[in-house]
Amino acid sequence: MANNLFISYDLHSPGQDYDKVADAIKSLGAWAKVQYSLWYVSSSLSATEAGKRVWAVMDNNDSLIVIDATNNFASWYNLDQKVSDFLKDYWHK
């Protein structure tokens, strides 16, 4: 069974290689671009696995979150610390 993944990102200067990030997301499975930087992917990968693949083509100052709507799990990189702490505190409440 495939996982329903939602992937959102912000690209910041200097790199901003949108095509490289889009290609990484498209490689994860069947996809739809929901909004400018929000994608849906039906994938056999977990949020953690998908996040690692996409993060590999991003800059360290970018941010990324992958939400697995099937298994109620999320993985993220470089989110604001307050947001990260909030998600950790409230995700499973």
C-alpha atoms as a PDB file:
ATOM      1  CA  MET A   1       0.000   0.000   0.000  1.00  0.00           C
ATOM      2  CA  ALA A   2       1.292   3.449  -0.860  1.00  0.00           C
ATOM      3  CA  ASN A   3       1.692   6.291   1.598  1.00  0.00           C
ATOM      4  CA  ASN A   4      -0.066   9.613   1.043  1.00  0.00           C
ATOM      5  CA  LEU A   5       2.723  12.159   1.375  1.00  0.00           C
ATOM      6  CA  PHE A   6       2.365  15.931   1.365  1.00  0.00           C
ATOM      7  CA  ILE A   7       5.603  17.786   0.730  1.00  0.00           C
ATOM      8  CA  SER A   8       6.075  21.501   1.290  1.00  0.00           C
ATOM      9  CA  TYR A   9       9.246  23.549   1.040  1.00  0.00           C
ATOM     10  CA  ASP A  10      10.718  27.051   1.029  1.00  0.00           C
ATOM     11  CA  LEU A  11      13.802  27.731  -1.042  1.00  0.00           C
ATOM     12  CA  HIS A  12      15.990  30.630   0.031  1.00  0.00           C
ATOM     13  CA  SER A  13      18.921  32.338  -1.670  1.00  0.00           C
ATOM     14  CA  PRO A  14      21.459  31.641  -3.037  1.00  0.00           C
ATOM     15  CA  GLY A  15      20.553  28.321  -4.768  1.00  0.00           C
ATOM     16  CA  GLN A  16      16.814  28.269  -5.379  1.00  0.00           C
ATOM     17  CA  ASP A  17      16.957  25.376  -7.843  1.00  0.00           C
ATOM     18  CA  TYR A  18      13.225  24.682  -8.108  1.00  0.00           C
ATOM     19  CA  ASP A  19      13.641  22.231 -10.990  1.00  0.00           C
ATOM     20  CA  LYS A  20      16.034  20.029  -9.018  1.00  0.00           C
ATOM     21  CA  VAL A  21      13.647  19.924  -6.040  1.00  0.00           C
ATOM     22  CA  ALA A  22      10.646  19.242  -8.289  1.00  0.00           C
ATOM     23  CA  ASP A  23      12.513  16.410 -10.023  1.00  0.00           C
ATOM     24  CA  ALA A  24      13.404  14.854  -6.654  1.00  0.00           C
ATOM     25  CA  ILE A  25       9.760  15.019  -5.569  1.00  0.00           C
ATOM     26  CA  LYS A  26       8.516  13.575  -8.870  1.00  0.00           C
ATOM     27  CA  SER A  27      10.918  10.646  -8.486  1.00  0.00           C
ATOM     28  CA  LEU A  28       9.163   9.519  -5.279  1.00  0.00           C
ATOM     29  CA  GLY A  29       6.016   8.192  -6.960  1.00  0.00           C
ATOM     30  CA  ALA A  30       2.777   9.343  -8.569  1.00  0.00           C
ATOM     31  CA  TRP A  31       2.494  13.039  -7.877  1.00  0.00           C
ATOM     32  CA  ALA A  32       0.348  16.150  -8.168  1.00  0.00           C
ATOM     33  CA  LYS A  33       1.470  19.737  -7.674  1.00  0.00           C
ATOM     34  CA  VAL A  34      -1.235  21.070  -5.349  1.00  0.00           C
ATOM     35  CA  GLN A  35       0.119  24.599  -4.937  1.00  0.00           C
ATOM     36  CA  TYR A  36       3.355  26.403  -5.807  1.00  0.00           C
ATOM     37  CA  SER A  37       5.430  24.629  -3.147  1.00  0.00           C
ATOM     38  CA  LEU A  38       2.986  21.966  -1.928  1.00  0.00           C
ATOM     39  CA  TRP A  39       2.974  18.553  -3.552  1.00  0.00           C
ATOM     40  CA  TYR A  40       1.051  15.326  -3.049  1.00  0.00           C
ATOM     41  CA  VAL A  41       2.916  12.068  -3.731  1.00  0.00           C
ATOM     42  CA  SER A  42       1.634   8.496  -3.549  1.00  0.00           C
ATOM     43  CA  SER A  43       4.807   6.673  -2.567  1.00  0.00           C
ATOM     44  CA  SER A  44       6.076   3.445  -1.068  1.00  0.00           C
ATOM     45  CA  LEU A  45       8.578   5.563   0.870  1.00  0.00           C
ATOM     46  CA  SER A  46       8.086   6.815   4.411  1.00  0.00           C
ATOM     47  CA  ALA A  47       8.109  10.518   5.242  1.00  0.00           C
ATOM     48  CA  THR A  48      11.639  10.122   6.587  1.00  0.00           C
ATOM     49  CA  GLU A  49      12.920   8.348   3.461  1.00  0.00           C
ATOM     50  CA  ALA A  50      11.222  10.824   1.118  1.00  0.00           C
ATOM     51  CA  GLY A  51      12.485  13.765   3.150  1.00  0.00           C
ATOM     52  CA  LYS A  52      16.079  12.530   2.956  1.00  0.00           C
ATOM     53  CA  ARG A  53      15.868  12.211  -0.834  1.00  0.00           C
ATOM     54  CA  VAL A  54      14.417  15.666  -1.366  1.00  0.00           C
ATOM     55  CA  TRP A  55      16.629  17.348   1.247  1.00  0.00           C
ATOM     56  CA  ALA A  56      19.693  15.954  -0.549  1.00  0.00           C
ATOM     57  CA  VAL A  57      19.116  18.381  -3.459  1.00  0.00           C
ATOM     58  CA  MET A  58      18.270  21.403  -1.296  1.00  0.00           C
ATOM     59  CA  ASP A  59      20.498  24.034   0.325  1.00  0.00           C
ATOM     60  CA  ASN A  60      21.087  24.016   4.077  1.00  0.00           C
ATOM     61  CA  ASN A  61      19.224  27.307   4.484  1.00  0.00           C
ATOM     62  CA  ASP A  62      16.057  25.970   2.795  1.00  0.00           C
ATOM     63  CA  SER A  63      13.238  24.307   4.737  1.00  0.00           C
ATOM     64  CA  LEU A  64      11.244  21.152   4.060  1.00  0.00           C
ATOM     65  CA  ILE A  65       8.410  19.204   5.646  1.00  0.00           C
ATOM     66  CA  VAL A  66       7.043  15.852   4.505  1.00  0.00           C
ATOM     67  CA  ILE A  67       3.738  14.777   6.036  1.00  0.00           C
ATOM     68  CA  ASP A  68       2.621  11.163   5.777  1.00  0.00           C
ATOM     69  CA  ALA A  69      -1.165  11.416   5.933  1.00  0.00           C
ATOM     70  CA  THR A  70      -1.508   7.624   5.838  1.00  0.00           C
ATOM     71  CA  ASN A  71       0.514   6.920   8.972  1.00  0.00           C
ATOM     72  CA  ASN A  72       0.119  10.270  10.795  1.00  0.00           C
ATOM     73  CA  PHE A  73       3.838  11.033  10.772  1.00  0.00           C
ATOM     74  CA  ALA A  74       5.980  13.958   9.635  1.00  0.00           C
ATOM     75  CA  SER A  75       9.628  14.600   8.929  1.00  0.00           C
ATOM     76  CA  TRP A  76      11.145  18.039   8.531  1.00  0.00           C
ATOM     77  CA  TYR A  77      14.375  19.916   7.957  1.00  0.00           C
ATOM     78  CA  ASN A  78      15.388  23.410   8.995  1.00  0.00           C
ATOM     79  CA  LEU A  79      11.996  24.625  10.218  1.00  0.00           C
ATOM     80  CA  ASP A  80      11.947  27.526  12.653  1.00  0.00           C
ATOM     81  CA  GLN A  81      12.789  26.073  16.082  1.00  0.00           C
ATOM     82  CA  LYS A  82       9.527  27.338  17.626  1.00  0.00           C
ATOM     83  CA  VAL A  83       7.528  25.650  14.869  1.00  0.00           C
ATOM     84  CA  SER A  84       9.512  22.447  15.229  1.00  0.00           C
ATOM     85  CA  ASP A  85       8.977  22.408  18.998  1.00  0.00           C
ATOM     86  CA  PHE A  86       5.268  23.115  18.534  1.00  0.00           C
ATOM     87  CA  LEU A  87       4.883  20.222  16.096  1.00  0.00           C
ATOM     88  CA  LYS A  88       6.727  17.880  18.463  1.00  0.00           C
ATOM     89  CA  ASP A  89       4.487  18.965  21.356  1.00  0.00           C
ATOM     90  CA  TYR A  90       1.134  18.786  19.567  1.00  0.00           C
ATOM     91  CA  TRP A  91       1.441  16.219  16.773  1.00  0.00           C
ATOM     92  CA  HIS A  92       0.006  13.251  18.667  1.00  0.00           C
ATOM     93  CA  LYS A  93      -2.215  15.028  21.202  1.00  0.00           C
END
